[in-house]
Protein backbone atom coordinates (compact mmCIF):
# COMPACT_ATOMS: atom_id res chain seq x y z
CA MET A 1 164.97 35.02 -185.04
CA LYS A 2 164.82 31.69 -186.97
CA ASN A 3 167.88 29.54 -186.94
CA GLN A 4 169.53 28.46 -189.96
CA SER A 5 168.10 25.06 -190.09
CA GLU A 6 164.47 26.27 -189.57
CA SER A 7 164.82 28.95 -192.33
CA ARG A 8 165.07 25.98 -194.81
CA ILE A 9 161.62 24.57 -193.96
CA PRO A 10 158.82 25.60 -196.10
CA PRO A 11 156.13 27.44 -194.44
CA ILE A 12 153.49 24.96 -194.95
CA PHE A 13 155.04 22.56 -192.38
CA HIS A 14 155.03 25.48 -189.86
CA GLU A 15 151.39 25.86 -190.45
CA MET A 16 150.87 22.25 -189.87
CA LYS A 17 152.47 21.58 -186.71
CA ASN A 18 152.09 25.25 -185.18
CA ARG A 19 154.37 25.10 -182.26
CA SER A 20 156.92 22.55 -183.10
CA GLU A 21 160.37 23.50 -183.89
CA PHE A 22 163.00 21.77 -186.39
CA HIS A 23 166.53 21.32 -185.79
CA ASP A 24 169.60 19.68 -187.70
CA VAL A 25 170.44 16.25 -186.73
CA ASP A 26 172.83 13.84 -188.31
CA ALA A 27 170.95 11.30 -190.18
CA ASN A 28 172.69 10.58 -193.39
CA SER A 29 172.68 14.23 -194.13
CA SER A 30 168.86 14.80 -193.80
CA HIS A 31 167.90 18.15 -192.39
CA PHE A 32 164.14 17.53 -192.64
CA LEU A 33 163.54 16.10 -189.20
CA PHE A 34 161.36 17.28 -186.28
CA HIS A 35 162.45 18.05 -182.72
CA SER A 36 161.02 15.11 -181.27
CA GLN A 37 159.11 11.94 -182.18
CA ASN A 38 155.72 13.13 -180.73
CA MET A 39 155.96 16.22 -182.95
CA GLY A 40 157.09 14.40 -185.99
CA SER A 41 154.06 11.78 -185.40
CA TYR A 42 151.69 15.02 -185.37
CA ALA A 43 153.18 16.58 -188.41
CA ILE A 44 153.40 13.29 -190.56
CA LYS A 45 149.50 12.81 -190.13
CA LYS A 46 149.03 16.43 -191.27
CA PHE A 47 151.62 15.51 -194.16
CA GLU A 48 149.18 12.42 -195.08
CA GLU A 49 146.05 14.39 -194.66
CA LYS A 50 147.23 17.02 -197.01
CA ILE A 51 148.56 14.49 -199.68
CA ARG A 52 145.07 12.90 -199.49
CA ASN A 53 143.29 16.08 -200.12
CA LEU A 54 145.20 16.84 -203.05
CA ARG A 55 144.27 13.47 -204.40
CA GLU A 56 140.79 14.56 -204.46
CA TYR A 57 141.54 16.64 -207.74
CA SER A 58 142.64 13.49 -209.60
CA LYS A 59 139.23 11.64 -209.67
CA GLU A 60 138.47 11.89 -213.30
CA LYS A 61 136.37 9.12 -215.12
CA TYR A 62 137.95 6.90 -217.57
CA ASN A 63 136.83 4.09 -219.67
CA PRO A 64 137.83 0.67 -218.02
CA LYS A 65 138.79 -0.75 -221.63
CA SER A 66 141.34 2.02 -222.41
CA TYR A 67 144.90 1.63 -221.53
CA VAL A 68 146.86 4.70 -220.41
CA SER A 69 149.70 4.96 -222.94
CA CYS A 70 152.26 2.78 -224.97
CA TRP A 71 155.25 3.44 -226.72
CA SER A 72 158.79 2.15 -227.63
CA GLU A 73 162.05 3.34 -226.03
CA LYS A 74 165.50 2.14 -225.74
CA ASP A 75 166.92 -0.01 -222.94
CA VAL A 76 169.67 -2.39 -222.10
CA ILE A 77 169.79 -5.96 -222.05
CA ASP A 78 173.08 -7.86 -221.42
CA ASN A 79 175.10 -4.94 -222.07
CA GLU A 80 173.19 -4.35 -225.41
CA ILE A 81 171.00 -1.52 -226.34
CA VAL A 82 167.67 -2.87 -227.54
CA ASP A 83 164.10 -1.56 -228.35
CA ALA A 84 161.84 -2.03 -225.25
CA PHE A 85 157.88 -1.62 -225.44
CA VAL A 86 156.23 -0.01 -222.62
CA ILE A 87 152.60 -0.61 -221.49
CA ILE A 88 150.56 1.18 -218.94
CA LEU A 89 147.50 -0.44 -218.11
CA ARG A 90 144.71 1.38 -216.23
CA THR A 91 144.00 -0.38 -213.21
CA LYS A 92 142.30 0.61 -209.76
CA GLY A 93 145.48 2.21 -208.89
CA CYS A 94 148.36 1.92 -206.47
CA ALA A 95 146.98 0.70 -203.03
CA TRP A 96 149.26 3.22 -201.10
CA ALA A 97 148.03 6.23 -203.16
CA LEU A 98 144.52 5.33 -202.53
CA LYS A 99 145.05 5.42 -198.87
CA SER A 100 147.63 8.34 -198.84
CA GLY A 101 150.36 8.40 -201.32
CA CYS A 102 153.98 9.48 -202.09
CA SER A 103 154.49 13.36 -202.07
CA MET A 104 155.91 13.27 -205.62
CA CYS A 105 153.81 10.70 -207.30
CA GLY A 106 150.90 11.55 -209.59
CA TYR A 107 150.29 8.38 -211.45
CA ILE A 108 147.02 7.97 -209.55
CA ASN A 109 145.71 10.54 -211.86
CA ASP A 110 145.50 8.01 -214.64
CA ALA A 111 143.81 5.19 -212.41
CA MET A 112 140.32 4.09 -212.48
CA LEU A 113 140.03 4.26 -208.60
CA GLU A 114 137.81 1.35 -208.74
CA ASN A 115 138.09 -2.50 -209.64
CA VAL A 116 138.89 -3.23 -213.37
CA SER A 117 137.65 -6.66 -214.31
CA ASP A 118 139.77 -9.32 -215.87
CA GLU A 119 138.00 -8.94 -218.96
CA ASP A 120 138.59 -5.38 -219.44
CA LEU A 121 142.27 -5.39 -218.17
CA PHE A 122 143.05 -8.00 -220.83
CA PHE A 123 141.00 -5.85 -223.64
CA GLN A 124 143.72 -3.12 -222.53
CA PHE A 125 146.50 -5.29 -222.88
CA SER A 126 145.38 -6.94 -226.19
CA GLU A 127 144.76 -3.67 -227.76
CA ALA A 128 148.17 -2.06 -226.66
CA MET A 129 149.98 -5.28 -227.91
CA LYS A 130 148.66 -4.58 -231.44
CA LYS A 131 151.52 -2.04 -231.43
CA PHE A 132 154.09 -4.46 -230.42
CA ASN A 133 156.77 -4.91 -232.75
CA ASP A 134 159.20 -7.50 -231.55
CA GLN A 135 161.05 -5.65 -228.91
CA LYS A 136 163.60 -7.26 -226.76
CA ILE A 137 161.90 -6.07 -223.65
CA VAL A 138 158.39 -5.48 -222.42
CA LYS A 139 157.55 -3.26 -219.52
CA ILE A 140 153.98 -3.57 -218.13
CA PHE A 141 153.27 -0.66 -215.67
CA THR A 142 150.12 -0.14 -213.77
CA SER A 143 150.80 3.09 -212.06
CA GLY A 144 150.98 0.77 -209.01
CA SER A 145 151.84 -2.84 -208.09
CA PHE A 146 151.51 -5.57 -211.02
CA LEU A 147 151.88 -8.00 -208.04
CA ASP A 148 148.98 -6.41 -205.94
CA LYS A 149 146.22 -9.05 -206.75
CA ASN A 150 143.53 -6.42 -205.61
CA GLU A 151 144.85 -4.27 -208.82
CA VAL A 152 145.79 -7.34 -211.34
CA SER A 153 144.52 -10.38 -210.32
CA GLU A 154 146.68 -13.55 -210.13
CA VAL A 155 145.08 -14.98 -213.16
CA MET A 156 145.89 -11.91 -215.23
CA GLN A 157 149.36 -11.91 -213.80
CA GLU A 158 150.19 -15.32 -215.11
CA LYS A 159 148.26 -15.06 -218.32
CA ILE A 160 150.08 -11.68 -219.30
CA CYS A 161 153.62 -13.16 -218.37
CA GLU A 162 152.81 -16.33 -220.28
CA ILE A 163 151.72 -14.52 -223.41
CA LEU A 164 154.94 -12.17 -223.08
CA GLY A 165 157.30 -15.13 -222.35
CA LYS A 166 156.56 -16.32 -225.79
CA LYS A 167 157.16 -12.94 -227.52
CA THR A 168 160.03 -11.36 -225.86
CA ARG A 169 163.40 -11.81 -224.16
CA LYS A 170 162.71 -9.93 -220.79
CA VAL A 171 159.41 -8.72 -219.05
CA ILE A 172 159.78 -5.76 -216.41
CA VAL A 173 156.99 -4.96 -213.74
CA GLU A 174 156.66 -2.71 -210.77
CA SER A 175 155.62 -3.64 -207.56
CA ARG A 176 155.90 -2.21 -203.83
CA PRO A 177 157.62 -4.45 -201.36
CA GLU A 178 154.61 -5.79 -199.50
CA PHE A 179 153.21 -7.68 -202.50
CA VAL A 180 156.36 -9.62 -203.10
CA ASN A 181 156.33 -13.13 -202.12
CA LYS A 182 158.45 -16.36 -203.02
CA GLU A 183 155.44 -18.34 -204.19
CA LYS A 184 154.19 -15.67 -206.73
CA LEU A 185 157.66 -14.93 -208.09
CA LYS A 186 158.52 -18.66 -208.93
CA LYS A 187 155.19 -19.13 -210.70
CA LEU A 188 155.68 -16.03 -212.86
CA LYS A 189 159.53 -16.81 -213.27
CA LYS A 190 158.44 -20.10 -214.96
CA LEU A 191 156.26 -18.05 -217.47
CA CYS A 192 158.92 -15.37 -218.61
CA ALA A 193 162.44 -13.85 -218.02
CA LEU A 194 161.07 -11.54 -215.26
CA GLU A 195 162.53 -8.38 -213.51
CA ILE A 196 160.72 -6.69 -210.65
CA ALA A 197 161.21 -2.98 -210.34
CA VAL A 198 160.78 -1.56 -206.73
CA GLY A 199 160.81 2.19 -205.98
CA LEU A 200 162.83 2.35 -202.78
CA GLU A 201 163.56 6.06 -203.37
CA SER A 202 166.02 6.52 -200.41
CA ALA A 203 167.62 4.02 -197.98
CA ASN A 204 167.06 6.67 -195.12
CA ASP A 205 163.92 5.64 -193.06
CA ARG A 206 163.35 9.57 -191.99
CA VAL A 207 163.51 10.62 -195.65
CA LEU A 208 161.00 7.77 -196.57
CA GLU A 209 158.60 8.95 -193.93
CA TYR A 210 159.11 12.75 -193.42
CA SER A 211 159.80 13.80 -197.08
CA ILE A 212 158.35 11.11 -199.45
CA ASN A 213 155.63 9.72 -197.39
CA LYS A 214 156.56 6.47 -198.87
CA GLY A 215 154.47 3.89 -196.61
CA PHE A 216 157.40 1.53 -195.88
CA ALA A 217 160.72 1.38 -194.34
CA LEU A 218 164.07 0.27 -195.60
CA LYS A 219 163.61 -3.24 -194.04
CA ASP A 220 160.50 -3.80 -196.10
CA TYR A 221 162.52 -3.15 -199.30
CA LEU A 222 165.41 -5.28 -198.03
CA ARG A 223 163.03 -8.26 -197.18
CA ALA A 224 161.57 -8.08 -200.85
CA ALA A 225 164.92 -7.40 -202.37
CA GLU A 226 166.23 -10.74 -200.88
CA ILE A 227 163.37 -12.53 -202.32
CA ILE A 228 163.53 -11.17 -205.70
CA LYS A 229 167.18 -11.46 -206.21
CA ASP A 230 167.04 -15.05 -205.43
CA ILE A 231 164.23 -15.94 -207.88
CA CYS A 232 164.63 -13.27 -210.75
CA SER A 233 166.27 -9.76 -211.29
CA LEU A 234 165.57 -6.65 -209.49
CA LYS A 235 165.61 -2.86 -210.70
CA THR A 236 165.51 -0.31 -207.91
CA TYR A 237 164.27 3.12 -208.36
CA ILE A 238 165.97 5.83 -206.39
CA LEU A 239 164.77 9.47 -206.07
CA LEU A 240 167.43 12.36 -206.64
CA LYS A 241 166.76 15.08 -204.17
CA PRO A 242 163.57 14.15 -202.40
CA PRO A 243 161.48 17.26 -201.13
CA PHE A 244 162.96 19.29 -198.38
CA LEU A 245 166.58 18.33 -198.77
CA THR A 246 169.21 20.50 -200.20
CA GLU A 247 170.90 19.72 -203.20
CA LYS A 248 174.03 18.46 -201.48
CA GLU A 249 171.88 16.54 -199.22
CA GLY A 250 169.85 15.11 -201.86
CA ILE A 251 172.98 13.87 -203.79
CA LYS A 252 174.52 12.10 -200.52
CA ASP A 253 171.47 10.58 -199.91
CA ALA A 254 171.16 9.12 -203.23
CA ILE A 255 174.70 7.86 -203.33
CA ASN A 256 174.12 6.35 -200.08
CA THR A 257 171.01 4.49 -201.35
CA VAL A 258 172.80 3.37 -204.57
CA LYS A 259 175.68 1.63 -202.17
CA ILE A 260 172.60 -0.26 -200.39
CA ALA A 261 170.45 -1.20 -203.01
CA GLY A 262 173.42 -1.84 -205.45
CA GLU A 263 174.00 -5.19 -203.16
CA TYR A 264 170.80 -6.57 -204.48
CA SER A 265 169.93 -4.79 -207.85
CA SER A 266 170.87 -5.69 -211.38
CA THR A 267 169.73 -2.31 -212.48
CA ILE A 268 169.65 1.08 -210.62
CA SER A 269 167.34 3.78 -212.21
CA LEU A 270 168.20 7.27 -210.67
CA ASN A 271 165.04 9.72 -211.11
CA PRO A 272 165.18 13.45 -210.34
CA VAL A 273 162.17 14.55 -208.81
CA ASN A 274 159.72 16.27 -211.31
CA ILE A 275 156.46 17.88 -210.90
CA GLN A 276 153.34 16.00 -211.25
CA LYS A 277 149.66 17.10 -211.05
CA ASN A 278 148.02 16.82 -207.86
CA THR A 279 150.94 16.12 -205.65
CA PHE A 280 152.45 17.51 -202.65
CA VAL A 281 155.58 18.54 -204.66
CA GLU A 282 153.30 20.60 -207.16
CA PHE A 283 151.57 22.09 -204.10
CA LEU A 284 155.00 23.28 -202.82
CA TRP A 285 156.15 24.53 -206.48
CA LYS A 286 152.95 26.61 -206.61
CA ARG A 287 153.82 28.18 -203.37
CA ASN A 288 157.53 28.75 -204.59
CA GLU A 289 158.77 26.48 -201.64
């Protein structure tokens, strides 16, 4: 007979780890944990393998000169509601997603999965900017990390920021922590009023590893956050109810994460988990788990 905590674990993970057992531990209210580190190491490898396999379905062919999308939306700057212009550029894709990926993120579906030249990337940007209408904020998203030079070259990072610095009051780009460094941010900050958005998701390392498969730990976020807040502003994405947490646990985890990220962030973005194509979350949803 299964114990209470074991019954909350989706069958897929029993299939992955065979003889392993789950149990409740006190780790900021997360129940999705393994009985021992060794069992956890085995299961996390299977977790990553499953995510990689699901990524195979996302390998569509795109035109390197075509951006993904652009639109206008509302945002806030200096406590004032303003219009923001969003551009999603089609790049090689998130470095982590190309290796493994987060359990809920399907943005790799829009990526080229191969290098995009500066010429093609600038063509995308220029075409999207034809729809720019003097919005106060411009958000440049790549479904990955704008600061990753293997995704957006340093030449293009500076060129885009320089152009936008003359056209808008604020520029927001996204990055994983490993691509954040002082020298790069100082260069870009001179070109525009810059905000870096980082997806922390959870301040609980075990949730980051066993639920989200984030590919970095809290300490990595904190290192990047210290650098960002001293040079420009930081926006932090937090995930509401990561996979395998109960609703109560998800809320508690989000509150704890807000408390930690709030010490560094000028903006907190709380994002409920949603179902995206070719992701582990979609896989669980299809199995009613």
